[in-house]
Amino acid sequence: MNIDRMEFINWMERIMSRFDMLDDRIGDTQRNWNSIDGEELLDNQDLLQMLKISNRSLQRYRSSGKLSYYTISGKLYYKLSDVHQFIRESFTASSSKKKASK
């Protein structure tokens, strides 16, 4: 079976456009899947990379109640707004400690 070059290119373009459509659908599904009440959820790995901390430090923040978390099917998740609040509070606490020591 011989296929000329133009026909091959047309087929490849159709296949690639289908891949693009699938990628868009998967992306939309994944965004909806990793959110609750329209808010993005982060897992442990996301948070460790974002904050550049160790797993033990993250566990300590959870245990002390400084960082809110949710357990869904045995996996830990964090709301992005809770993470932002944790960062703001940590920054404020460290800034006030520096001012007090001067």
PDB file of N, CA and C in Angstrom:
ATOM      1  N   MET A   1       0.846  -1.179   0.000  1.00  0.00           N
ATOM      2  CA  MET A   1       0.000   0.000   0.000  1.00  0.00           C
ATOM      3  C   MET A   1       0.889   1.239   0.000  1.00  0.00           C
ATOM      4  N   ASN A   2       0.753   2.067  -0.981  1.00  0.00           N
ATOM      5  CA  ASN A   2       1.532   3.288  -1.104  1.00  0.00           C
ATOM      6  C   ASN A   2       0.682   4.492  -0.728  1.00  0.00           C
ATOM      7  N   ILE A   3       1.282   5.354   0.070  1.00  0.00           N
ATOM      8  CA  ILE A   3       0.615   6.593   0.457  1.00  0.00           C
ATOM      9  C   ILE A   3       1.531   7.726   0.018  1.00  0.00           C
ATOM     10  N   ASP A   4       0.971   8.678  -0.692  1.00  0.00           N
ATOM     11  CA  ASP A   4       1.833   9.788  -1.110  1.00  0.00           C
ATOM     12  C   ASP A   4       2.079  10.741   0.066  1.00  0.00           C
ATOM     13  N   ARG A   5       3.026  11.567  -0.118  1.00  0.00           N
ATOM     14  CA  ARG A   5       3.491  12.477   0.947  1.00  0.00           C
ATOM     15  C   ARG A   5       2.369  13.385   1.456  1.00  0.00           C
ATOM     16  N   MET A   6       1.590  13.985   0.582  1.00  0.00           N
ATOM     17  CA  MET A   6       0.519  14.905   0.982  1.00  0.00           C
ATOM     18  C   MET A   6      -0.559  14.191   1.793  1.00  0.00           C
ATOM     19  N   GLU A   7      -0.894  13.000   1.392  1.00  0.00           N
ATOM     20  CA  GLU A   7      -1.893  12.236   2.136  1.00  0.00           C
ATOM     21  C   GLU A   7      -1.381  11.886   3.530  1.00  0.00           C
ATOM     22  N   PHE A   8      -0.110  11.527   3.599  1.00  0.00           N
ATOM     23  CA  PHE A   8       0.497  11.223   4.888  1.00  0.00           C
ATOM     24  C   PHE A   8       0.480  12.442   5.807  1.00  0.00           C
ATOM     25  N   ILE A   9       0.841  13.585   5.266  1.00  0.00           N
ATOM     26  CA  ILE A   9       0.853  14.826   6.058  1.00  0.00           C
ATOM     27  C   ILE A   9      -0.560  15.156   6.545  1.00  0.00           C
ATOM     28  N   ASN A  10      -1.553  14.989   5.694  1.00  0.00           N
ATOM     29  CA  ASN A  10      -2.941  15.249   6.100  1.00  0.00           C
ATOM     30  C   ASN A  10      -3.367  14.327   7.237  1.00  0.00           C
ATOM     31  N   TRP A  11      -3.015  13.055   7.128  1.00  0.00           N
ATOM     32  CA  TRP A  11      -3.350  12.105   8.188  1.00  0.00           C
ATOM     33  C   TRP A  11      -2.661  12.488   9.491  1.00  0.00           C
ATOM     34  N   MET A  12      -1.413  12.853   9.422  1.00  0.00           N
ATOM     35  CA  MET A  12      -0.668  13.231  10.627  1.00  0.00           C
ATOM     36  C   MET A  12      -1.272  14.478  11.275  1.00  0.00           C
ATOM     37  N   GLU A  13      -1.686  15.441  10.477  1.00  0.00           N
ATOM     38  CA  GLU A  13      -2.320  16.646  11.013  1.00  0.00           C
ATOM     39  C   GLU A  13      -3.632  16.310  11.718  1.00  0.00           C
ATOM     40  N   ARG A  14      -4.405  15.405  11.140  1.00  0.00           N
ATOM     41  CA  ARG A  14      -5.659  14.981  11.772  1.00  0.00           C
ATOM     42  C   ARG A  14      -5.388  14.271  13.098  1.00  0.00           C
ATOM     43  N   ILE A  15      -4.393  13.400  13.101  1.00  0.00           N
ATOM     44  CA  ILE A  15      -4.042  12.677  14.330  1.00  0.00           C
ATOM     45  C   ILE A  15      -3.578  13.647  15.401  1.00  0.00           C
ATOM     46  N   MET A  16      -2.722  14.589  15.016  1.00  0.00           N
ATOM     47  CA  MET A  16      -2.211  15.556  15.996  1.00  0.00           C
ATOM     48  C   MET A  16      -3.332  16.450  16.539  1.00  0.00           C
ATOM     49  N   SER A  17      -4.280  16.819  15.692  1.00  0.00           N
ATOM     50  CA  SER A  17      -5.391  17.635  16.183  1.00  0.00           C
ATOM     51  C   SER A  17      -6.244  16.842  17.177  1.00  0.00           C
ATOM     52  N   ARG A  18      -6.391  15.548  16.952  1.00  0.00           N
ATOM     53  CA  ARG A  18      -7.125  14.700  17.909  1.00  0.00           C
ATOM     54  C   ARG A  18      -6.372  14.622  19.234  1.00  0.00           C
ATOM     55  N   PHE A  19      -5.041  14.494  19.165  1.00  0.00           N
ATOM     56  CA  PHE A  19      -4.239  14.491  20.393  1.00  0.00           C
ATOM     57  C   PHE A  19      -4.407  15.796  21.160  1.00  0.00           C
ATOM     58  N   ASP A  20      -4.433  16.910  20.440  1.00  0.00           N
ATOM     59  CA  ASP A  20      -4.632  18.209  21.088  1.00  0.00           C
ATOM     60  C   ASP A  20      -5.992  18.273  21.778  1.00  0.00           C
ATOM     61  N   MET A  21      -7.028  17.756  21.115  1.00  0.00           N
ATOM     62  CA  MET A  21      -8.361  17.739  21.718  1.00  0.00           C
ATOM     63  C   MET A  21      -8.370  16.884  22.984  1.00  0.00           C
ATOM     64  N   LEU A  22      -7.740  15.719  22.927  1.00  0.00           N
ATOM     65  CA  LEU A  22      -7.673  14.854  24.102  1.00  0.00           C
ATOM     66  C   LEU A  22      -6.904  15.510  25.231  1.00  0.00           C
ATOM     67  N   ASP A  23      -5.809  16.178  24.893  1.00  0.00           N
ATOM     68  CA  ASP A  23      -5.012  16.868  25.906  1.00  0.00           C
ATOM     69  C   ASP A  23      -5.831  17.943  26.614  1.00  0.00           C
ATOM     70  N   ASP A  24      -6.619  18.686  25.846  1.00  0.00           N
ATOM     71  CA  ASP A  24      -7.484  19.714  26.448  1.00  0.00           C
ATOM     72  C   ASP A  24      -8.508  19.092  27.390  1.00  0.00           C
ATOM     73  N   ARG A  25      -9.117  17.993  26.964  1.00  0.00           N
ATOM     74  CA  ARG A  25     -10.118  17.329  27.809  1.00  0.00           C
ATOM     75  C   ARG A  25      -9.494  16.779  29.086  1.00  0.00           C
ATOM     76  N   ILE A  26      -8.341  16.172  28.948  1.00  0.00           N
ATOM     77  CA  ILE A  26      -7.660  15.621  30.129  1.00  0.00           C
ATOM     78  C   ILE A  26      -7.261  16.739  31.071  1.00  0.00           C
ATOM     79  N   GLY A  27      -6.762  17.834  30.524  1.00  0.00           N
ATOM     80  CA  GLY A  27      -6.384  18.978  31.353  1.00  0.00           C
ATOM     81  C   GLY A  27      -7.562  19.530  32.133  1.00  0.00           C
ATOM     82  N   ASP A  28      -8.709  19.678  31.473  1.00  0.00           N
ATOM     83  CA  ASP A  28      -9.917  20.173  32.150  1.00  0.00           C
ATOM     84  C   ASP A  28     -10.360  19.213  33.241  1.00  0.00           C
ATOM     85  N   THR A  29     -10.343  17.926  32.932  1.00  0.00           N
ATOM     86  CA  THR A  29     -10.747  16.915  33.912  1.00  0.00           C
ATOM     87  C   THR A  29      -9.815  16.918  35.105  1.00  0.00           C
ATOM     88  N   GLN A  30      -8.524  17.011  34.840  1.00  0.00           N
ATOM     89  CA  GLN A  30      -7.554  16.990  35.932  1.00  0.00           C
ATOM     90  C   GLN A  30      -7.687  18.230  36.812  1.00  0.00           C
ATOM     91  N   ARG A  31      -7.925  19.387  36.207  1.00  0.00           N
ATOM     92  CA  ARG A  31      -8.102  20.603  37.009  1.00  0.00           C
ATOM     93  C   ARG A  31      -9.329  20.468  37.905  1.00  0.00           C
ATOM     94  N   ASN A  32     -10.412  19.909  37.390  1.00  0.00           N
ATOM     95  CA  ASN A  32     -11.624  19.732  38.194  1.00  0.00           C
ATOM     96  C   ASN A  32     -11.416  18.668  39.267  1.00  0.00           C
ATOM     97  N   TRP A  33     -10.607  17.676  38.952  1.00  0.00           N
ATOM     98  CA  TRP A  33     -10.374  16.569  39.871  1.00  0.00           C
ATOM     99  C   TRP A  33      -9.532  17.003  41.063  1.00  0.00           C
ATOM    100  N   ASN A  34      -8.581  17.908  40.860  1.00  0.00           N
ATOM    101  CA  ASN A  34      -7.699  18.367  41.921  1.00  0.00           C
ATOM    102  C   ASN A  34      -8.191  19.671  42.536  1.00  0.00           C
ATOM    103  N   SER A  35      -9.503  19.798  42.668  1.00  0.00           N
ATOM    104  CA  SER A  35     -10.045  20.999  43.283  1.00  0.00           C
ATOM    105  C   SER A  35     -11.246  20.630  44.140  1.00  0.00           C
ATOM    106  N   ILE A  36     -11.493  21.482  45.102  1.00  0.00           N
ATOM    107  CA  ILE A  36     -12.664  21.316  45.948  1.00  0.00           C
ATOM    108  C   ILE A  36     -13.280  22.701  46.125  1.00  0.00           C
ATOM    109  N   ASP A  37     -14.554  22.803  45.907  1.00  0.00           N
ATOM    110  CA  ASP A  37     -15.262  24.087  45.943  1.00  0.00           C
ATOM    111  C   ASP A  37     -14.603  25.096  45.012  1.00  0.00           C
ATOM    112  N   GLY A  38     -14.073  24.622  43.882  1.00  0.00           N
ATOM    113  CA  GLY A  38     -13.443  25.510  42.918  1.00  0.00           C
ATOM    114  C   GLY A  38     -12.050  25.952  43.299  1.00  0.00           C
ATOM    115  N   GLU A  39     -11.521  25.395  44.370  1.00  0.00           N
ATOM    116  CA  GLU A  39     -10.195  25.791  44.834  1.00  0.00           C
ATOM    117  C   GLU A  39      -9.200  24.651  44.612  1.00  0.00           C
ATOM    118  N   GLU A  40      -8.015  25.015  44.161  1.00  0.00           N
ATOM    119  CA  GLU A  40      -6.999  24.013  43.825  1.00  0.00           C
ATOM    120  C   GLU A  40      -6.496  23.298  45.074  1.00  0.00           C
ATOM    121  N   LEU A  41      -6.324  21.989  44.934  1.00  0.00           N
ATOM    122  CA  LEU A  41      -5.760  21.173  45.995  1.00  0.00           C
ATOM    123  C   LEU A  41      -4.334  20.781  45.637  1.00  0.00           C
ATOM    124  N   LEU A  42      -3.467  20.788  46.625  1.00  0.00           N
ATOM    125  CA  LEU A  42      -2.082  20.384  46.450  1.00  0.00           C
ATOM    126  C   LEU A  42      -1.838  19.138  47.277  1.00  0.00           C
ATOM    127  N   ASP A  43      -1.039  18.211  46.776  1.00  0.00           N
ATOM    128  CA  ASP A  43      -0.685  17.044  47.575  1.00  0.00           C
ATOM    129  C   ASP A  43       0.663  17.281  48.251  1.00  0.00           C
ATOM    130  N   ASN A  44       1.142  16.296  49.015  1.00  0.00           N
ATOM    131  CA  ASN A  44       2.402  16.451  49.742  1.00  0.00           C
ATOM    132  C   ASN A  44       3.550  16.827  48.820  1.00  0.00           C
ATOM    133  N   GLN A  45       3.660  16.121  47.697  1.00  0.00           N
ATOM    134  CA  GLN A  45       4.778  16.350  46.782  1.00  0.00           C
ATOM    135  C   GLN A  45       4.752  17.768  46.231  1.00  0.00           C
ATOM    136  N   ASP A  46       3.567  18.249  45.875  1.00  0.00           N
ATOM    137  CA  ASP A  46       3.437  19.628  45.387  1.00  0.00           C
ATOM    138  C   ASP A  46       3.925  20.617  46.434  1.00  0.00           C
ATOM    139  N   LEU A  47       3.517  20.397  47.669  1.00  0.00           N
ATOM    140  CA  LEU A  47       3.854  21.326  48.740  1.00  0.00           C
ATOM    141  C   LEU A  47       5.337  21.272  49.102  1.00  0.00           C
ATOM    142  N   LEU A  48       5.916  20.075  49.114  1.00  0.00           N
ATOM    143  CA  LEU A  48       7.341  19.948  49.409  1.00  0.00           C
ATOM    144  C   LEU A  48       8.175  20.709  48.388  1.00  0.00           C
ATOM    145  N   GLN A  49       7.797  20.620  47.125  1.00  0.00           N
ATOM    146  CA  GLN A  49       8.529  21.325  46.081  1.00  0.00           C
ATOM    147  C   GLN A  49       8.275  22.825  46.141  1.00  0.00           C
ATOM    148  N   MET A  50       7.048  23.205  46.449  1.00  0.00           N
ATOM    149  CA  MET A  50       6.695  24.617  46.486  1.00  0.00           C
ATOM    150  C   MET A  50       7.413  25.345  47.626  1.00  0.00           C
ATOM    151  N   LEU A  51       7.406  24.748  48.809  1.00  0.00           N
ATOM    152  CA  LEU A  51       7.987  25.393  49.984  1.00  0.00           C
ATOM    153  C   LEU A  51       9.465  25.065  50.186  1.00  0.00           C
ATOM    154  N   LYS A  52       9.959  24.069  49.429  1.00  0.00           N
ATOM    155  CA  LYS A  52      11.351  23.629  49.543  1.00  0.00           C
ATOM    156  C   LYS A  52      11.687  23.240  50.987  1.00  0.00           C
ATOM    157  N   ILE A  53      10.844  22.361  51.536  1.00  0.00           N
ATOM    158  CA  ILE A  53      11.040  21.868  52.896  1.00  0.00           C
ATOM    159  C   ILE A  53      11.088  20.346  52.870  1.00  0.00           C
ATOM    160  N   SER A  54      11.478  19.760  53.997  1.00  0.00           N
ATOM    161  CA  SER A  54      11.538  18.303  54.089  1.00  0.00           C
ATOM    162  C   SER A  54      10.163  17.741  54.439  1.00  0.00           C
ATOM    163  N   ASN A  55      10.034  16.459  54.246  1.00  0.00           N
ATOM    164  CA  ASN A  55       8.789  15.769  54.574  1.00  0.00           C
ATOM    165  C   ASN A  55       8.509  15.883  56.072  1.00  0.00           C
ATOM    166  N   ARG A  56       9.560  15.791  56.869  1.00  0.00           N
ATOM    167  CA  ARG A  56       9.420  15.891  58.330  1.00  0.00           C
ATOM    168  C   ARG A  56       8.923  17.272  58.751  1.00  0.00           C
ATOM    169  N   SER A  57       9.440  18.320  58.120  1.00  0.00           N
ATOM    170  CA  SER A  57       8.974  19.678  58.443  1.00  0.00           C
ATOM    171  C   SER A  57       7.499  19.833  58.122  1.00  0.00           C
ATOM    172  N   LEU A  58       7.085  19.293  56.980  1.00  0.00           N
ATOM    173  CA  LEU A  58       5.678  19.357  56.608  1.00  0.00           C
ATOM    174  C   LEU A  58       4.818  18.611  57.618  1.00  0.00           C
ATOM    175  N   GLN A  59       5.301  17.467  58.064  1.00  0.00           N
ATOM    176  CA  GLN A  59       4.575  16.698  59.079  1.00  0.00           C
ATOM    177  C   GLN A  59       4.468  17.493  60.384  1.00  0.00           C
ATOM    178  N   ARG A  60       5.527  18.187  60.743  1.00  0.00           N
ATOM    179  CA  ARG A  60       5.528  19.003  61.958  1.00  0.00           C
ATOM    180  C   ARG A  60       4.514  20.140  61.850  1.00  0.00           C
ATOM    181  N   TYR A  61       4.427  20.784  60.700  1.00  0.00           N
ATOM    182  CA  TYR A  61       3.455  21.862  60.506  1.00  0.00           C
ATOM    183  C   TYR A  61       2.026  21.338  60.618  1.00  0.00           C
ATOM    184  N   ARG A  62       1.784  20.136  60.099  1.00  0.00           N
ATOM    185  CA  ARG A  62       0.449  19.534  60.217  1.00  0.00           C
ATOM    186  C   ARG A  62       0.139  19.209  61.677  1.00  0.00           C
ATOM    187  N   SER A  63       1.097  18.560  62.361  1.00  0.00           N
ATOM    188  CA  SER A  63       0.876  18.129  63.746  1.00  0.00           C
ATOM    189  C   SER A  63       0.642  19.299  64.690  1.00  0.00           C
ATOM    190  N   SER A  64       1.353  20.396  64.448  1.00  0.00           N
ATOM    191  CA  SER A  64       1.208  21.560  65.321  1.00  0.00           C
ATOM    192  C   SER A  64      -0.051  22.363  65.008  1.00  0.00           C
ATOM    193  N   GLY A  65      -0.715  22.050  63.904  1.00  0.00           N
ATOM    194  CA  GLY A  65      -1.933  22.763  63.535  1.00  0.00           C
ATOM    195  C   GLY A  65      -1.663  24.048  62.772  1.00  0.00           C
ATOM    196  N   LYS A  66      -0.419  24.294  62.404  1.00  0.00           N
ATOM    197  CA  LYS A  66      -0.091  25.505  61.658  1.00  0.00           C
ATOM    198  C   LYS A  66      -0.585  25.434  60.216  1.00  0.00           C
ATOM    199  N   LEU A  67      -0.715  24.218  59.679  1.00  0.00           N
ATOM    200  CA  LEU A  67      -1.118  24.040  58.292  1.00  0.00           C
ATOM    201  C   LEU A  67      -2.303  23.076  58.228  1.00  0.00           C
ATOM    202  N   SER A  68      -3.421  23.572  57.734  1.00  0.00           N
ATOM    203  CA  SER A  68      -4.620  22.739  57.604  1.00  0.00           C
ATOM    204  C   SER A  68      -4.452  21.757  56.462  1.00  0.00           C
ATOM    205  N   TYR A  69      -5.038  20.576  56.638  1.00  0.00           N
ATOM    206  CA  TYR A  69      -4.963  19.567  55.586  1.00  0.00           C
ATOM    207  C   TYR A  69      -6.243  18.750  55.576  1.00  0.00           C
ATOM    208  N   TYR A  70      -6.423  18.026  54.483  1.00  0.00           N
ATOM    209  CA  TYR A  70      -7.605  17.198  54.297  1.00  0.00           C
ATOM    210  C   TYR A  70      -7.153  15.824  53.844  1.00  0.00           C
ATOM    211  N   THR A  71      -7.816  14.798  54.345  1.00  0.00           N
ATOM    212  CA  THR A  71      -7.503  13.437  53.938  1.00  0.00           C
ATOM    213  C   THR A  71      -8.629  12.940  53.040  1.00  0.00           C
ATOM    214  N   ILE A  72      -8.259  12.569  51.824  1.00  0.00           N
ATOM    215  CA  ILE A  72      -9.230  12.042  50.865  1.00  0.00           C
ATOM    216  C   ILE A  72      -8.689  10.713  50.376  1.00  0.00           C
ATOM    217  N   SER A  73      -9.420   9.645  50.660  1.00  0.00           N
ATOM    218  CA  SER A  73      -9.015   8.288  50.283  1.00  0.00           C
ATOM    219  C   SER A  73      -7.606   7.961  50.766  1.00  0.00           C
ATOM    220  N   GLY A  74      -7.292   8.390  51.966  1.00  0.00           N
ATOM    221  CA  GLY A  74      -5.999   8.067  52.563  1.00  0.00           C
ATOM    222  C   GLY A  74      -4.851   8.930  52.095  1.00  0.00           C
ATOM    223  N   LYS A  75      -5.112   9.928  51.264  1.00  0.00           N
ATOM    224  CA  LYS A  75      -4.058  10.799  50.762  1.00  0.00           C
ATOM    225  C   LYS A  75      -4.278  12.200  51.307  1.00  0.00           C
ATOM    226  N   LEU A  76      -3.185  12.883  51.645  1.00  0.00           N
ATOM    227  CA  LEU A  76      -3.269  14.214  52.223  1.00  0.00           C
ATOM    228  C   LEU A  76      -3.289  15.284  51.135  1.00  0.00           C
ATOM    229  N   TYR A  77      -4.180  16.268  51.335  1.00  0.00           N
ATOM    230  CA  TYR A  77      -4.279  17.398  50.411  1.00  0.00           C
ATOM    231  C   TYR A  77      -4.340  18.687  51.205  1.00  0.00           C
ATOM    232  N   TYR A  78      -3.931  19.765  50.552  1.00  0.00           N
ATOM    233  CA  TYR A  78      -3.913  21.085  51.163  1.00  0.00           C
ATOM    234  C   TYR A  78      -4.571  22.063  50.203  1.00  0.00           C
ATOM    235  N   LYS A  79      -5.463  22.910  50.730  1.00  0.00           N
ATOM    236  CA  LYS A  79      -6.067  23.946  49.904  1.00  0.00           C
ATOM    237  C   LYS A  79      -5.014  25.017  49.640  1.00  0.00           C
ATOM    238  N   LEU A  80      -4.994  25.526  48.419  1.00  0.00           N
ATOM    239  CA  LEU A  80      -4.021  26.538  48.053  1.00  0.00           C
ATOM    240  C   LEU A  80      -4.174  27.787  48.921  1.00  0.00           C
ATOM    241  N   SER A  81      -5.397  28.153  49.259  1.00  0.00           N
ATOM    242  CA  SER A  81      -5.611  29.338  50.105  1.00  0.00           C
ATOM    243  C   SER A  81      -5.056  29.109  51.507  1.00  0.00           C
ATOM    244  N   ASP A  82      -5.167  27.880  52.027  1.00  0.00           N
ATOM    245  CA  ASP A  82      -4.600  27.568  53.338  1.00  0.00           C
ATOM    246  C   ASP A  82      -3.078  27.659  53.308  1.00  0.00           C
ATOM    247  N   VAL A  83      -2.483  27.219  52.211  1.00  0.00           N
ATOM    248  CA  VAL A  83      -1.029  27.300  52.070  1.00  0.00           C
ATOM    249  C   VAL A  83      -0.588  28.759  52.021  1.00  0.00           C
ATOM    250  N   HIS A  84      -1.309  29.576  51.262  1.00  0.00           N
ATOM    251  CA  HIS A  84      -0.979  31.008  51.201  1.00  0.00           C
ATOM    252  C   HIS A  84      -1.110  31.661  52.570  1.00  0.00           C
ATOM    253  N   GLN A  85      -2.147  31.303  53.307  1.00  0.00           N
ATOM    254  CA  GLN A  85      -2.331  31.838  54.660  1.00  0.00           C
ATOM    255  C   GLN A  85      -1.185  31.409  55.568  1.00  0.00           C
ATOM    256  N   PHE A  86      -0.771  30.154  55.486  1.00  0.00           N
ATOM    257  CA  PHE A  86       0.349  29.635  56.267  1.00  0.00           C
ATOM    258  C   PHE A  86       1.629  30.420  55.955  1.00  0.00           C
ATOM    259  N   ILE A  87       1.860  30.700  54.686  1.00  0.00           N
ATOM    260  CA  ILE A  87       3.056  31.456  54.286  1.00  0.00           C
ATOM    261  C   ILE A  87       2.999  32.871  54.847  1.00  0.00           C
ATOM    262  N   ARG A  88       1.833  33.517  54.731  1.00  0.00           N
ATOM    263  CA  ARG A  88       1.690  34.877  55.275  1.00  0.00           C
ATOM    264  C   ARG A  88       1.937  34.905  56.779  1.00  0.00           C
ATOM    265  N   GLU A  89       1.353  33.953  57.504  1.00  0.00           N
ATOM    266  CA  GLU A  89       1.531  33.911  58.957  1.00  0.00           C
ATOM    267  C   GLU A  89       2.984  33.623  59.327  1.00  0.00           C
ATOM    268  N   SER A  90       3.636  32.765  58.607  1.00  0.00           N
ATOM    269  CA  SER A  90       5.033  32.447  58.885  1.00  0.00           C
ATOM    270  C   SER A  90       5.910  33.650  58.629  1.00  0.00           C
ATOM    271  N   PHE A  91       5.632  34.385  57.559  1.00  0.00           N
ATOM    272  CA  PHE A  91       6.402  35.569  57.228  1.00  0.00           C
ATOM    273  C   PHE A  91       6.198  36.647  58.277  1.00  0.00           C
ATOM    274  N   THR A  92       4.963  36.843  58.703  1.00  0.00           N
ATOM    275  CA  THR A  92       4.650  37.844  59.714  1.00  0.00           C
ATOM    276  C   THR A  92       5.315  37.496  61.041  1.00  0.00           C
ATOM    277  N   ALA A  93       5.276  36.214  61.418  1.00  0.00           N
ATOM    278  CA  ALA A  93       5.881  35.785  62.679  1.00  0.00           C
ATOM    279  C   ALA A  93       7.388  35.993  62.664  1.00  0.00           C
ATOM    280  N   SER A  94       8.048  35.648  61.575  1.00  0.00           N
ATOM    281  CA  SER A  94       9.496  35.808  61.523  1.00  0.00           C
ATOM    282  C   SER A  94       9.876  37.280  61.450  1.00  0.00           C
ATOM    283  N   SER A  95       9.072  38.116  60.800  1.00  0.00           N
ATOM    284  CA  SER A  95       9.349  39.549  60.724  1.00  0.00           C
ATOM    285  C   SER A  95       9.215  40.202  62.090  1.00  0.00           C
ATOM    286  N   SER A  96       8.207  39.811  62.872  1.00  0.00           N
ATOM    287  CA  SER A  96       8.010  40.417  64.186  1.00  0.00           C
ATOM    288  C   SER A  96       9.090  39.966  65.165  1.00  0.00           C
ATOM    289  N   LYS A  97       9.608  38.754  65.012  1.00  0.00           N
ATOM    290  CA  LYS A  97      10.699  38.282  65.866  1.00  0.00           C
ATOM    291  C   LYS A  97      11.961  39.083  65.613  1.00  0.00           C
ATOM    292  N   LYS A  98      12.242  39.403  64.353  1.00  0.00           N
ATOM    293  CA  LYS A  98      13.433  40.195  64.021  1.00  0.00           C
ATOM    294  C   LYS A  98      13.336  41.586  64.605  1.00  0.00           C
ATOM    295  N   LYS A  99      12.150  42.199  64.531  1.00  0.00           N
ATOM    296  CA  LYS A  99      11.951  43.556  65.061  1.00  0.00           C
ATOM    297  C   LYS A  99      12.096  43.548  66.575  1.00  0.00           C
ATOM    298  N   ALA A 100      11.617  42.500  67.250  1.00  0.00           N
ATOM    299  CA  ALA A 100      11.683  42.435  68.704  1.00  0.00           C
ATOM    300  C   ALA A 100      13.112  42.262  69.185  1.00  0.00           C
ATOM    301  N   SER A 101      13.960  41.588  68.425  1.00  0.00           N
ATOM    302  CA  SER A 101      15.331  41.343  68.859  1.00  0.00           C
ATOM    303  C   SER A 101      16.227  42.546  68.670  1.00  0.00           C
ATOM    304  N   LYS A 102      15.803  43.564  67.900  1.00  0.00           N
ATOM    305  CA  LYS A 102      16.633  44.763  67.656  1.00  0.00           C
ATOM    306  C   LYS A 102      16.591  45.711  68.781  1.00  0.00           C
TER     307      LYS A 102
END
